[in-house]
Amino acid sequence: MLNTRAATNANFFGVHAYGSTPPERIVGNVLTLREMLLPYFDTPPPVINTEWGFSAYGLGTDGHSDDARHRQAVLGTRALLSAWVTGMPVTTWYDMKDDCDDPNDNECNFGLLDVNNSPKPIYHAFATLRDAATQHTLNAILSNGTGPHMLRLQGTDEIIIIAWLSQPGAEISIQTPPPLAAWDMYGNSTDMGELFLLREADGPIYLRYQQQSDADTDDTASDGSSTRDSEQLPQDANNGSPDSGCGCETAAQSAAQSAAPTILLLIAFSVILLIRRFAE
């Protein structure tokens, strides 16, 4: 299609991202696709995610088990976060509702709702991400790919850090200034000390910090040099060890990519609103 120029007037290129497992692989896959398009367009059309989802079947005892549905929520939330990082303007989530009540049928366990319109764990996890993203902008990636993934969401007067791991079964100790609030993937409040254990199996966590203003801190030393970090944010306790740390430095060099629009979450969250109406 590209070689024959049949796609010259294309408005977008759609992908089904089911092959992106773990979900974080979508970032590299989308970058590769964009690079493939460059020789054929002065300005390549956007890449959008036209369908993606995870069935609870095969993720636990059966598609209705608590462990399987929790794992579906973990992978689904990581998928939306990873899609956000790519900057794709649209992500369409499959499926709104389970297709049947068979716990051993793969196609019947993709839903955010079960067959009785009751929200599954993935529904609540998506709602938690929606609430964190509302009136916030993704403006930094705080990881370098060898340790925990961390995104920085900028609000009017606060910062939200979202942190998670992608290697199955991985755990890592995170050192952090005490946040104003912290909650798990489902929105449940959790206590955070200066050192806490981040577990891949638990899914993403959320940390809220107060935005520092210039007036809050004297950032100039007697020699005129800067003494203030932009914010005190989480760091891995291994100081960026290649085996188990991330360094957690703000990726200023990735600003163009990390300042992704929140619109790509609208499809999934619009589905949630539709679900609520449908379930009432």
Protein backbone atom coordinates (compact mmCIF):
# COMPACT_ATOMS: atom_id res chain seq x y z
CA MET A 1 0.00 0.00 0.00
CA LEU A 2 2.77 2.44 0.88
CA ASN A 3 4.91 1.55 -2.14
CA THR A 4 2.00 1.98 -4.55
CA ARG A 5 1.09 5.33 -2.95
CA ALA A 6 -2.45 4.04 -2.39
CA ALA A 7 -2.38 5.59 1.09
CA THR A 8 -1.33 9.06 -0.04
CA ASN A 9 -4.59 10.67 1.08
CA ALA A 10 -5.03 8.61 4.24
CA ASN A 11 -6.37 10.53 7.24
CA PHE A 12 -4.83 8.14 9.75
CA PHE A 13 -3.27 4.71 10.15
CA GLY A 14 -5.09 2.40 12.55
CA VAL A 15 -3.52 -0.39 14.55
CA HIS A 16 -4.91 -3.20 16.65
CA ALA A 17 -2.40 -3.43 19.46
CA TYR A 18 -3.13 -6.97 20.66
CA GLY A 19 0.42 -8.09 19.90
CA SER A 20 1.83 -5.56 22.37
CA THR A 21 2.49 -7.82 25.35
CA PRO A 22 3.58 -6.63 27.81
CA PRO A 23 1.53 -3.49 27.13
CA GLU A 24 4.58 -1.22 27.27
CA ARG A 25 5.77 -2.69 23.96
CA ILE A 26 3.26 -0.50 22.16
CA VAL A 27 5.56 2.50 22.62
CA GLY A 28 8.33 0.96 20.53
CA ASN A 29 5.85 -0.50 18.03
CA VAL A 30 4.22 2.87 17.36
CA LEU A 31 7.58 4.62 17.03
CA THR A 32 8.65 1.97 14.50
CA LEU A 33 5.47 2.46 12.49
CA ARG A 34 5.90 6.24 12.45
CA GLU A 35 9.45 5.79 11.20
CA MET A 36 8.19 3.49 8.43
CA LEU A 37 5.75 6.19 7.27
CA LEU A 38 8.31 9.00 7.06
CA PRO A 39 9.65 8.22 3.54
CA TYR A 40 6.13 8.30 2.09
CA PHE A 41 4.70 11.52 3.55
CA ASP A 42 5.86 15.07 4.04
CA THR A 43 3.73 15.03 7.19
CA PRO A 44 2.63 11.48 8.07
CA PRO A 45 -0.98 11.09 9.22
CA PRO A 46 -1.46 10.17 12.86
CA VAL A 47 -1.37 6.60 14.11
CA ILE A 48 -4.42 5.71 16.19
CA ASN A 49 -5.21 2.64 18.26
CA THR A 50 -8.45 1.38 16.73
CA GLU A 51 -8.83 -1.60 19.06
CA TRP A 52 -7.11 -3.05 22.11
CA GLY A 53 -8.11 -5.13 25.09
CA PHE A 54 -7.26 -8.02 27.39
CA SER A 55 -9.45 -11.01 28.14
CA ALA A 56 -9.52 -12.18 31.75
CA TYR A 57 -9.55 -15.75 30.47
CA GLY A 58 -6.08 -17.28 30.73
CA LEU A 59 -4.93 -14.76 33.34
CA GLY A 60 -5.97 -16.79 36.39
CA THR A 61 -8.04 -19.73 37.56
CA ASP A 62 -10.72 -18.89 35.00
CA GLY A 63 -12.14 -15.78 33.38
CA HIS A 64 -14.42 -15.06 36.35
CA SER A 65 -11.89 -15.61 39.14
CA ASP A 66 -10.70 -12.74 41.29
CA ASP A 67 -7.07 -13.27 40.31
CA ALA A 68 -7.84 -13.25 36.58
CA ARG A 69 -9.99 -10.14 36.73
CA HIS A 70 -7.40 -8.33 38.83
CA ARG A 71 -4.71 -9.24 36.30
CA GLN A 72 -6.94 -7.94 33.49
CA ALA A 73 -7.19 -4.63 35.37
CA VAL A 74 -3.41 -4.45 35.82
CA LEU A 75 -2.68 -5.06 32.14
CA GLY A 76 -5.50 -2.80 30.97
CA THR A 77 -4.38 0.15 33.07
CA ARG A 78 -0.78 -0.27 31.94
CA ALA A 79 -2.04 -0.40 28.36
CA LEU A 80 -3.85 2.94 28.64
CA LEU A 81 -0.83 4.54 30.30
CA SER A 82 1.49 3.20 27.59
CA ALA A 83 -0.85 4.37 24.83
CA TRP A 84 -0.88 7.82 26.44
CA VAL A 85 2.92 7.92 26.33
CA THR A 86 2.92 7.25 22.57
CA GLY A 87 0.89 10.41 21.95
CA MET A 88 -1.70 8.59 19.84
CA PRO A 89 -4.78 10.85 19.68
CA VAL A 90 -7.28 7.95 19.97
CA THR A 91 -7.36 4.60 21.76
CA THR A 92 -10.48 2.43 21.41
CA TRP A 93 -10.95 -0.14 24.15
CA TYR A 94 -12.47 -3.59 23.63
CA ASP A 95 -14.88 -4.50 25.19
CA MET A 96 -17.62 -2.70 27.06
CA LYS A 97 -19.34 -5.86 28.29
CA ASP A 98 -18.56 -9.57 28.49
CA ASP A 99 -20.15 -11.39 25.53
CA CYS A 100 -21.37 -14.38 27.53
CA ASP A 101 -21.21 -15.93 31.00
CA ASP A 102 -18.71 -18.68 30.18
CA PRO A 103 -15.58 -18.29 32.34
CA ASN A 104 -13.62 -20.55 29.98
CA ASP A 105 -14.38 -18.73 26.73
CA ASN A 106 -11.67 -16.25 25.75
CA GLU A 107 -13.98 -14.05 23.68
CA CYS A 108 -16.49 -13.74 26.50
CA ASN A 109 -14.19 -12.13 29.06
CA PHE A 110 -12.90 -8.87 27.54
CA GLY A 111 -15.51 -6.61 29.11
CA LEU A 112 -15.33 -3.76 31.58
CA LEU A 113 -18.70 -5.08 32.79
CA ASP A 114 -19.83 -8.65 33.28
CA VAL A 115 -22.93 -10.01 31.51
CA ASN A 116 -25.12 -8.64 34.31
CA ASN A 117 -23.77 -5.11 33.80
CA SER A 118 -21.82 -5.22 37.08
CA PRO A 119 -18.47 -3.37 36.96
CA LYS A 120 -15.42 -5.61 36.94
CA PRO A 121 -12.12 -4.57 38.58
CA ILE A 122 -10.86 -3.15 35.27
CA TYR A 123 -13.81 -0.74 35.25
CA HIS A 124 -12.79 0.68 38.63
CA ALA A 125 -9.12 0.83 37.60
CA PHE A 126 -10.01 2.81 34.48
CA ALA A 127 -12.16 5.17 36.54
CA THR A 128 -9.22 5.77 38.89
CA LEU A 129 -6.98 6.67 35.95
CA ARG A 130 -9.69 8.91 34.50
CA ASP A 131 -9.97 10.82 37.77
CA ALA A 132 -6.18 11.27 37.99
CA ALA A 133 -5.95 12.46 34.38
CA THR A 134 -8.81 14.94 34.64
CA GLN A 135 -7.46 18.51 34.54
CA HIS A 136 -3.89 17.20 34.45
CA THR A 137 -1.36 17.10 31.62
CA LEU A 138 1.23 14.40 31.09
CA ASN A 139 4.40 16.47 30.92
CA ALA A 140 7.29 14.19 31.85
CA ILE A 141 8.47 10.60 31.78
CA LEU A 142 10.54 9.95 34.87
CA SER A 143 12.03 6.57 33.96
CA ASN A 144 14.69 5.33 31.59
CA GLY A 145 13.27 1.89 30.79
CA THR A 146 15.43 -0.27 33.06
CA GLY A 147 13.35 0.04 36.20
CA PRO A 148 9.98 1.37 37.33
CA HIS A 149 7.88 3.32 34.87
CA MET A 150 6.90 6.75 36.19
CA LEU A 151 4.77 9.45 34.64
CA ARG A 152 4.39 13.00 35.93
CA LEU A 153 0.98 14.63 35.60
CA GLN A 154 0.89 18.39 36.04
CA GLY A 155 -2.17 20.02 37.55
CA THR A 156 -2.87 23.65 38.44
CA ASP A 157 -1.23 23.48 41.84
CA GLU A 158 -0.29 19.82 42.26
CA ILE A 159 1.68 16.98 40.71
CA ILE A 160 0.55 13.37 40.43
CA ILE A 161 3.13 10.64 39.94
CA ILE A 162 1.97 7.32 38.49
CA ALA A 163 4.41 4.45 39.05
CA TRP A 164 4.35 0.81 38.00
CA LEU A 165 6.52 -2.15 37.01
CA SER A 166 6.27 -4.26 33.86
CA GLN A 167 8.41 -7.34 34.51
CA PRO A 168 6.11 -10.12 35.82
CA GLY A 169 6.57 -10.68 39.53
CA ALA A 170 9.02 -7.80 39.93
CA GLU A 171 9.30 -5.84 43.17
CA ILE A 172 11.39 -2.78 43.98
CA SER A 173 11.78 -0.45 46.96
CA ILE A 174 10.98 3.19 46.17
CA GLN A 175 12.27 6.08 48.26
CA THR A 176 10.01 9.11 48.20
CA PRO A 177 9.21 12.28 50.10
CA PRO A 178 5.90 11.80 51.93
CA PRO A 179 3.11 12.54 49.42
CA LEU A 180 0.00 14.52 50.26
CA ALA A 181 -2.00 11.44 49.31
CA ALA A 182 -1.41 8.02 47.79
CA TRP A 183 -3.82 5.47 46.36
CA ASP A 184 -3.75 2.15 44.56
CA MET A 185 -5.00 1.17 41.13
CA TYR A 186 -8.60 1.00 42.35
CA GLY A 187 -8.54 4.35 44.13
CA ASN A 188 -8.12 2.93 47.64
CA SER A 189 -6.10 5.20 49.91
CA THR A 190 -2.81 3.73 51.09
CA ASP A 191 -0.19 4.83 53.59
CA MET A 192 3.20 5.72 52.15
CA GLY A 193 6.33 6.14 54.21
CA GLU A 194 9.66 7.33 52.88
CA LEU A 195 10.32 3.79 51.61
CA PHE A 196 7.67 1.56 50.10
CA LEU A 197 7.53 -1.62 48.06
CA LEU A 198 6.30 -1.28 44.47
CA ARG A 199 4.99 -4.61 43.16
CA GLU A 200 4.23 -5.40 39.52
CA ALA A 201 1.34 -7.64 40.57
CA ASP A 202 -0.46 -4.74 42.26
CA GLY A 203 -0.55 -2.52 39.20
CA PRO A 204 0.10 1.25 39.08
CA ILE A 205 0.07 3.44 42.18
CA TYR A 206 -0.65 7.16 42.41
CA LEU A 207 1.19 9.77 44.51
CA ARG A 208 0.05 13.38 44.88
CA TYR A 209 2.48 16.21 45.70
CA GLN A 210 2.08 19.94 46.18
CA GLN A 211 3.44 22.02 43.32
CA GLN A 212 6.38 24.13 44.46
CA SER A 213 6.31 27.78 43.51
CA ASP A 214 9.42 29.87 42.97
CA ALA A 215 8.64 31.75 46.16
CA ASP A 216 8.64 28.54 48.21
CA THR A 217 12.35 27.92 47.98
CA ASP A 218 15.51 29.98 47.79
CA ASP A 219 17.20 28.14 44.94
CA THR A 220 20.41 30.16 44.65
CA ALA A 221 23.58 29.39 46.57
CA SER A 222 26.14 31.98 47.61
CA ASP A 223 28.17 31.26 44.48
CA GLY A 224 25.13 31.89 42.27
CA SER A 225 24.56 28.23 41.38
CA SER A 226 21.20 26.52 41.64
CA THR A 227 20.58 24.40 44.72
CA ARG A 228 16.99 23.37 44.10
CA ASP A 229 15.63 20.41 42.15
CA SER A 230 12.46 21.10 40.20
CA GLU A 231 10.58 18.95 42.72
CA GLN A 232 11.43 16.28 45.21
CA LEU A 233 10.02 13.20 43.53
CA PRO A 234 10.34 9.43 44.00
CA GLN A 235 13.62 7.65 43.35
CA ASP A 236 14.42 3.98 43.41
CA ALA A 237 16.32 2.93 46.51
CA ASN A 238 19.03 1.27 44.40
CA ASN A 239 20.21 4.61 42.98
CA GLY A 240 19.61 3.63 39.40
CA SER A 241 21.24 0.20 39.50
CA PRO A 242 21.11 -1.31 35.99
CA ASP A 243 19.67 -4.50 37.46
CA SER A 244 16.87 -3.12 39.58
CA GLY A 245 16.74 0.68 39.41
CA CYS A 246 15.68 3.40 37.05
CA GLY A 247 17.54 6.56 38.01
CA CYS A 248 14.13 8.26 37.76
CA GLU A 249 15.43 11.40 36.09
CA THR A 250 13.10 13.78 34.33
CA ALA A 251 13.28 13.04 30.61
CA ALA A 252 13.48 16.62 29.40
CA GLN A 253 14.97 15.37 26.14
CA SER A 254 11.71 13.51 25.53
CA ALA A 255 9.48 16.52 26.04
CA ALA A 256 7.92 16.35 22.59
CA GLN A 257 6.90 12.75 23.13
CA SER A 258 5.97 12.96 26.81
CA ALA A 259 3.69 15.98 26.44
CA ALA A 260 1.07 13.66 24.99
CA PRO A 261 -2.53 14.88 24.73
CA THR A 262 -5.09 13.42 27.11
CA ILE A 263 -7.52 12.95 24.25
CA LEU A 264 -6.41 9.37 23.66
CA LEU A 265 -8.06 8.42 26.95
CA LEU A 266 -11.37 9.93 25.96
CA ILE A 267 -12.57 6.89 24.08
CA ALA A 268 -12.08 4.55 27.04
CA PHE A 269 -13.54 7.03 29.49
CA SER A 270 -16.47 7.83 27.22
CA VAL A 271 -17.15 4.11 27.21
CA ILE A 272 -17.22 4.22 31.01
CA LEU A 273 -19.80 6.99 30.93
CA LEU A 274 -21.88 4.97 28.49
CA ILE A 275 -21.56 1.95 30.76
CA ARG A 276 -22.85 3.94 33.70
CA ARG A 277 -25.89 5.02 31.75
CA PHE A 278 -26.45 1.52 30.44
CA ALA A 279 -26.18 0.00 33.91
CA GLU A 280 -28.64 2.38 35.51
